[in-house]
């Protein structure tokens, strides 16, 4: 697993690019954090929440799983 400095850099990058992610990119990024069993820091999580709100209208409802 990456060290603390690597995670900090990745989370900083997440916060920086979240606003430009497509719906699929956002889903992939959140899925990667989940698969790595990683809790996202507050700043990165806030950026991902804002991105989710921005792309919500672009999501294909047929692509959602229940």
PDB file of N, CA and C in Angstrom:
ATOM      1  N   UNK A   1       0.837  -1.188   0.000  1.00  0.00           N
ATOM      2  CA  UNK A   1       0.000   0.000   0.000  1.00  0.00           C
ATOM      3  C   UNK A   1       0.881   1.251   0.000  1.00  0.00           C
ATOM      4  N   UNK A   2       0.391   2.288  -0.623  1.00  0.00           N
ATOM      5  CA  UNK A   2       1.151   3.542  -0.623  1.00  0.00           C
ATOM      6  C   UNK A   2       1.313   4.102   0.789  1.00  0.00           C
ATOM      7  N   UNK A   3       2.362   4.891   0.969  1.00  0.00           N
ATOM      8  CA  UNK A   3       2.602   5.541   2.249  1.00  0.00           C
ATOM      9  C   UNK A   3       1.747   6.789   2.408  1.00  0.00           C
ATOM     10  N   UNK A   4       1.836   7.393   3.591  1.00  0.00           N
ATOM     11  CA  UNK A   4       1.024   8.572   3.903  1.00  0.00           C
ATOM     12  C   UNK A   4       1.264   9.737   2.950  1.00  0.00           C
ATOM     13  N   UNK A   5       2.511   9.962   2.554  1.00  0.00           N
ATOM     14  CA  UNK A   5       2.802  11.075   1.640  1.00  0.00           C
ATOM     15  C   UNK A   5       2.171  10.841   0.269  1.00  0.00           C
ATOM     16  N   UNK A   6       2.185   9.607  -0.167  1.00  0.00           N
ATOM     17  CA  UNK A   6       1.578   9.283  -1.456  1.00  0.00           C
ATOM     18  C   UNK A   6       0.069   9.483  -1.403  1.00  0.00           C
ATOM     19  N   UNK A   7      -0.565   9.010  -0.321  1.00  0.00           N
ATOM     20  CA  UNK A   7      -2.009   9.210  -0.178  1.00  0.00           C
ATOM     21  C   UNK A   7      -2.354  10.692  -0.124  1.00  0.00           C
ATOM     22  N   UNK A   8      -1.549  11.466   0.588  1.00  0.00           N
ATOM     23  CA  UNK A   8      -1.802  12.912   0.677  1.00  0.00           C
ATOM     24  C   UNK A   8      -1.734  13.547  -0.712  1.00  0.00           C
ATOM     25  N   UNK A   9      -0.756  13.136  -1.518  1.00  0.00           N
ATOM     26  CA  UNK A   9      -0.625  13.683  -2.873  1.00  0.00           C
ATOM     27  C   UNK A   9      -1.813  13.261  -3.746  1.00  0.00           C
ATOM     28  N   UNK A  10      -2.231  12.002  -3.621  1.00  0.00           N
ATOM     29  CA  UNK A  10      -3.375  11.527  -4.401  1.00  0.00           C
ATOM     30  C   UNK A  10      -4.665  12.242  -4.007  1.00  0.00           C
ATOM     31  N   UNK A  11      -4.863  12.458  -2.720  1.00  0.00           N
ATOM     32  CA  UNK A  11      -6.063  13.145  -2.267  1.00  0.00           C
ATOM     33  C   UNK A  11      -6.057  14.620  -2.663  1.00  0.00           C
ATOM     34  N   UNK A  12      -4.877  15.221  -2.667  1.00  0.00           N
ATOM     35  CA  UNK A  12      -4.761  16.598  -3.132  1.00  0.00           C
ATOM     36  C   UNK A  12      -5.117  16.675  -4.621  1.00  0.00           C
ATOM     37  N   UNK A  13      -4.622  15.711  -5.387  1.00  0.00           N
ATOM     38  CA  UNK A  13      -4.938  15.675  -6.816  1.00  0.00           C
ATOM     39  C   UNK A  13      -6.425  15.416  -7.038  1.00  0.00           C
ATOM     40  N   UNK A  14      -7.015  14.552  -6.216  1.00  0.00           N
ATOM     41  CA  UNK A  14      -8.448  14.280  -6.311  1.00  0.00           C
ATOM     42  C   UNK A  14      -9.246  15.566  -6.133  1.00  0.00           C
ATOM     43  N   UNK A  15      -8.912  16.330  -5.101  1.00  0.00           N
ATOM     44  CA  UNK A  15      -9.618  17.584  -4.832  1.00  0.00           C
ATOM     45  C   UNK A  15      -9.441  18.568  -5.990  1.00  0.00           C
ATOM     46  N   UNK A  16      -8.263  18.545  -6.598  1.00  0.00           N
ATOM     47  CA  UNK A  16      -7.953  19.488  -7.671  1.00  0.00           C
ATOM     48  C   UNK A  16      -8.681  19.150  -8.973  1.00  0.00           C
ATOM     49  N   UNK A  17      -8.822  17.868  -9.307  1.00  0.00           N
ATOM     50  CA  UNK A  17      -9.395  17.495 -10.607  1.00  0.00           C
ATOM     51  C   UNK A  17     -10.863  17.092 -10.546  1.00  0.00           C
ATOM     52  N   UNK A  18     -11.426  16.950  -9.361  1.00  0.00           N
ATOM     53  CA  UNK A  18     -12.802  16.457  -9.227  1.00  0.00           C
ATOM     54  C   UNK A  18     -13.790  17.277 -10.053  1.00  0.00           C
ATOM     55  N   UNK A  19     -13.586  18.581 -10.124  1.00  0.00           N
ATOM     56  CA  UNK A  19     -14.525  19.445 -10.845  1.00  0.00           C
ATOM     57  C   UNK A  19     -14.549  19.161 -12.345  1.00  0.00           C
ATOM     58  N   UNK A  20     -13.521  18.522 -12.860  1.00  0.00           N
ATOM     59  CA  UNK A  20     -13.444  18.262 -14.303  1.00  0.00           C
ATOM     60  C   UNK A  20     -13.796  16.832 -14.680  1.00  0.00           C
ATOM     61  N   UNK A  21     -14.164  16.004 -13.714  1.00  0.00           N
ATOM     62  CA  UNK A  21     -14.437  14.599 -13.998  1.00  0.00           C
ATOM     63  C   UNK A  21     -15.781  14.401 -14.692  1.00  0.00           C
ATOM     64  N   UNK A  22     -15.802  13.430 -15.580  1.00  0.00           N
ATOM     65  CA  UNK A  22     -17.052  12.996 -16.201  1.00  0.00           C
ATOM     66  C   UNK A  22     -17.783  12.106 -15.195  1.00  0.00           C
ATOM     67  N   UNK A  23     -19.060  11.813 -15.447  1.00  0.00           N
ATOM     68  CA  UNK A  23     -19.755  10.896 -14.542  1.00  0.00           C
ATOM     69  C   UNK A  23     -19.011   9.558 -14.382  1.00  0.00           C
ATOM     70  N   UNK A  24     -18.519   9.019 -15.490  1.00  0.00           N
ATOM     71  CA  UNK A  24     -17.805   7.737 -15.430  1.00  0.00           C
ATOM     72  C   UNK A  24     -16.491   7.880 -14.671  1.00  0.00           C
ATOM     73  N   UNK A  25     -15.776   8.969 -14.908  1.00  0.00           N
ATOM     74  CA  UNK A  25     -14.521   9.197 -14.194  1.00  0.00           C
ATOM     75  C   UNK A  25     -14.728   9.332 -12.696  1.00  0.00           C
ATOM     76  N   UNK A  26     -15.785  10.026 -12.323  1.00  0.00           N
ATOM     77  CA  UNK A  26     -16.119  10.190 -10.909  1.00  0.00           C
ATOM     78  C   UNK A  26     -16.448   8.839 -10.285  1.00  0.00           C
ATOM     79  N   UNK A  27     -17.263   8.048 -10.971  1.00  0.00           N
ATOM     80  CA  UNK A  27     -17.617   6.717 -10.472  1.00  0.00           C
ATOM     81  C   UNK A  27     -16.381   5.836 -10.335  1.00  0.00           C
ATOM     82  N   UNK A  28     -15.497   5.896 -11.320  1.00  0.00           N
ATOM     83  CA  UNK A  28     -14.271   5.101 -11.272  1.00  0.00           C
ATOM     84  C   UNK A  28     -13.385   5.503 -10.097  1.00  0.00           C
ATOM     85  N   UNK A  29     -13.269   6.786  -9.855  1.00  0.00           N
ATOM     86  CA  UNK A  29     -12.419   7.270  -8.770  1.00  0.00           C
ATOM     87  C   UNK A  29     -12.968   6.856  -7.406  1.00  0.00           C
ATOM     88  N   UNK A  30     -14.260   7.027  -7.215  1.00  0.00           N
ATOM     89  CA  UNK A  30     -14.869   6.631  -5.941  1.00  0.00           C
ATOM     90  C   UNK A  30     -14.770   5.116  -5.761  1.00  0.00           C
ATOM     91  N   UNK A  31     -14.969   4.372  -6.833  1.00  0.00           N
ATOM     92  CA  UNK A  31     -14.849   2.916  -6.775  1.00  0.00           C
ATOM     93  C   UNK A  31     -13.431   2.498  -6.400  1.00  0.00           C
ATOM     94  N   UNK A  32     -12.448   3.185  -6.936  1.00  0.00           N
ATOM     95  CA  UNK A  32     -11.056   2.849  -6.612  1.00  0.00           C
ATOM     96  C   UNK A  32     -10.774   3.060  -5.133  1.00  0.00           C
ATOM     97  N   UNK A  33     -11.238   4.174  -4.579  1.00  0.00           N
ATOM     98  CA  UNK A  33     -11.061   4.401  -3.141  1.00  0.00           C
ATOM     99  C   UNK A  33     -11.731   3.283  -2.338  1.00  0.00           C
ATOM    100  N   UNK A  34     -12.925   2.885  -2.755  1.00  0.00           N
ATOM    101  CA  UNK A  34     -13.653   1.829  -2.035  1.00  0.00           C
ATOM    102  C   UNK A  34     -12.921   0.488  -2.126  1.00  0.00           C
ATOM    103  N   UNK A  35     -12.437   0.168  -3.310  1.00  0.00           N
ATOM    104  CA  UNK A  35     -11.733  -1.107  -3.487  1.00  0.00           C
ATOM    105  C   UNK A  35     -10.435  -1.149  -2.690  1.00  0.00           C
ATOM    106  N   UNK A  36      -9.823   0.005  -2.504  1.00  0.00           N
ATOM    107  CA  UNK A  36      -8.593   0.078  -1.703  1.00  0.00           C
ATOM    108  C   UNK A  36      -8.893   0.206  -0.215  1.00  0.00           C
ATOM    109  N   UNK A  37     -10.200   0.238   0.125  1.00  0.00           N
ATOM    110  CA  UNK A  37     -10.645   0.374   1.513  1.00  0.00           C
ATOM    111  C   UNK A  37     -10.025   1.611   2.157  1.00  0.00           C
ATOM    112  N   UNK A  38     -10.059   2.687   1.398  1.00  0.00           N
ATOM    113  CA  UNK A  38      -9.442   3.940   1.831  1.00  0.00           C
ATOM    114  C   UNK A  38     -10.522   4.972   2.150  1.00  0.00           C
ATOM    115  N   UNK A  39     -10.431   5.578   3.309  1.00  0.00           N
ATOM    116  CA  UNK A  39     -11.310   6.681   3.671  1.00  0.00           C
ATOM    117  C   UNK A  39     -10.718   7.957   3.083  1.00  0.00           C
ATOM    118  N   UNK A  40     -11.531   8.679   2.355  1.00  0.00           N
ATOM    119  CA  UNK A  40     -11.081   9.893   1.678  1.00  0.00           C
ATOM    120  C   UNK A  40     -11.037  11.038   2.683  1.00  0.00           C
ATOM    121  N   UNK A  41     -10.000  11.883   2.600  1.00  0.00           N
ATOM    122  CA  UNK A  41      -9.921  13.014   3.527  1.00  0.00           C
ATOM    123  C   UNK A  41     -11.040  14.012   3.257  1.00  0.00           C
ATOM    124  N   UNK A  42     -11.282  14.876   4.202  1.00  0.00           N
ATOM    125  CA  UNK A  42     -12.432  15.789   4.165  1.00  0.00           C
ATOM    126  C   UNK A  42     -12.414  16.689   2.934  1.00  0.00           C
ATOM    127  N   UNK A  43     -11.271  17.239   2.594  1.00  0.00           N
ATOM    128  CA  UNK A  43     -11.185  18.156   1.455  1.00  0.00           C
ATOM    129  C   UNK A  43     -11.494  17.429   0.141  1.00  0.00           C
ATOM    130  N   UNK A  44     -10.921  16.253  -0.038  1.00  0.00           N
ATOM    131  CA  UNK A  44     -11.168  15.489  -1.261  1.00  0.00           C
ATOM    132  C   UNK A  44     -12.627  15.032  -1.310  1.00  0.00           C
ATOM    133  N   UNK A  45     -13.173  14.618  -0.171  1.00  0.00           N
ATOM    134  CA  UNK A  45     -14.569  14.172  -0.133  1.00  0.00           C
ATOM    135  C   UNK A  45     -15.506  15.318  -0.507  1.00  0.00           C
ATOM    136  N   UNK A  46     -15.248  16.497   0.005  1.00  0.00           N
ATOM    137  CA  UNK A  46     -16.083  17.662  -0.325  1.00  0.00           C
ATOM    138  C   UNK A  46     -16.038  17.941  -1.827  1.00  0.00           C
ATOM    139  N   UNK A  47     -14.857  17.826  -2.419  1.00  0.00           N
ATOM    140  CA  UNK A  47     -14.729  18.050  -3.863  1.00  0.00           C
ATOM    141  C   UNK A  47     -15.496  16.991  -4.650  1.00  0.00           C
ATOM    142  N   UNK A  48     -15.461  15.736  -4.180  1.00  0.00           N
ATOM    143  CA  UNK A  48     -16.190  14.668  -4.852  1.00  0.00           C
ATOM    144  C   UNK A  48     -17.698  14.852  -4.710  1.00  0.00           C
ATOM    145  N   UNK A  49     -18.138  15.320  -3.553  1.00  0.00           N
ATOM    146  CA  UNK A  49     -19.572  15.599  -3.363  1.00  0.00           C
ATOM    147  C   UNK A  49     -20.045  16.687  -4.318  1.00  0.00           C
ATOM    148  N   UNK A  50     -19.255  17.740  -4.450  1.00  0.00           N
ATOM    149  CA  UNK A  50     -19.628  18.819  -5.368  1.00  0.00           C
ATOM    150  C   UNK A  50     -19.656  18.311  -6.805  1.00  0.00           C
ATOM    151  N   UNK A  51     -18.682  17.486  -7.162  1.00  0.00           N
ATOM    152  CA  UNK A  51     -18.641  16.924  -8.516  1.00  0.00           C
ATOM    153  C   UNK A  51     -19.846  16.027  -8.766  1.00  0.00           C
ATOM    154  N   UNK A  52     -20.240  15.243  -7.763  1.00  0.00           N
ATOM    155  CA  UNK A  52     -21.409  14.367  -7.914  1.00  0.00           C
ATOM    156  C   UNK A  52     -22.667  15.193  -8.173  1.00  0.00           C
ATOM    157  N   UNK A  53     -22.814  16.289  -7.469  1.00  0.00           N
ATOM    158  CA  UNK A  53     -23.953  17.171  -7.699  1.00  0.00           C
ATOM    159  C   UNK A  53     -23.939  17.752  -9.093  1.00  0.00           C
ATOM    160  N   UNK A  54     -22.753  18.074  -9.582  1.00  0.00           N
ATOM    161  CA  UNK A  54     -22.616  18.665 -10.915  1.00  0.00           C
ATOM    162  C   UNK A  54     -22.954  17.662 -12.013  1.00  0.00           C
ATOM    163  N   UNK A  55     -22.543  16.412 -11.860  1.00  0.00           N
ATOM    164  CA  UNK A  55     -22.744  15.427 -12.931  1.00  0.00           C
ATOM    165  C   UNK A  55     -24.036  14.638 -12.791  1.00  0.00           C
ATOM    166  N   UNK A  56     -24.781  14.842 -11.714  1.00  0.00           N
ATOM    167  CA  UNK A  56     -25.982  14.036 -11.461  1.00  0.00           C
ATOM    168  C   UNK A  56     -26.952  14.054 -12.640  1.00  0.00           C
ATOM    169  N   UNK A  57     -27.111  15.188 -13.289  1.00  0.00           N
ATOM    170  CA  UNK A  57     -28.041  15.281 -14.415  1.00  0.00           C
ATOM    171  C   UNK A  57     -27.525  14.564 -15.660  1.00  0.00           C
ATOM    172  N   UNK A  58     -26.247  14.268 -15.695  1.00  0.00           N
ATOM    173  CA  UNK A  58     -25.657  13.615 -16.863  1.00  0.00           C
ATOM    174  C   UNK A  58     -25.620  12.090 -16.741  1.00  0.00           C
ATOM    175  N   UNK A  59     -25.946  11.576 -15.573  1.00  0.00           N
ATOM    176  CA  UNK A  59     -25.870  10.138 -15.329  1.00  0.00           C
ATOM    177  C   UNK A  59     -26.988   9.422 -16.079  1.00  0.00           C
ATOM    178  N   UNK A  60     -26.625   8.336 -16.713  1.00  0.00           N
ATOM    179  CA  UNK A  60     -27.595   7.503 -17.412  1.00  0.00           C
ATOM    180  C   UNK A  60     -28.303   6.630 -16.386  1.00  0.00           C
ATOM    181  N   UNK A  61     -29.610   6.830 -16.159  1.00  0.00           N
ATOM    182  CA  UNK A  61     -30.324   6.063 -15.128  1.00  0.00           C
ATOM    183  C   UNK A  61     -30.257   4.557 -15.370  1.00  0.00           C
ATOM    184  N   UNK A  62     -30.157   4.127 -16.609  1.00  0.00           N
ATOM    185  CA  UNK A  62     -30.080   2.702 -16.896  1.00  0.00           C
ATOM    186  C   UNK A  62     -28.753   2.113 -16.436  1.00  0.00           C
ATOM    187  N   UNK A  63     -27.775   2.968 -16.244  1.00  0.00           N
ATOM    188  CA  UNK A  63     -26.465   2.490 -15.806  1.00  0.00           C
ATOM    189  C   UNK A  63     -26.358   2.364 -14.297  1.00  0.00           C
ATOM    190  N   UNK A  64     -27.360   2.798 -13.560  1.00  0.00           N
ATOM    191  CA  UNK A  64     -27.328   2.711 -12.107  1.00  0.00           C
ATOM    192  C   UNK A  64     -27.784   1.328 -11.657  1.00  0.00           C
ATOM    193  N   UNK A  65     -27.129   0.819 -10.636  1.00  0.00           N
ATOM    194  CA  UNK A  65     -27.530  -0.449 -10.054  1.00  0.00           C
ATOM    195  C   UNK A  65     -28.221  -0.192  -8.732  1.00  0.00           C
ATOM    196  N   UNK A  66     -29.179  -1.016  -8.410  1.00  0.00           N
ATOM    197  CA  UNK A  66     -29.880  -0.872  -7.119  1.00  0.00           C
ATOM    198  C   UNK A  66     -29.417  -1.923  -6.155  1.00  0.00           C
TER     199      UNK A  66
END
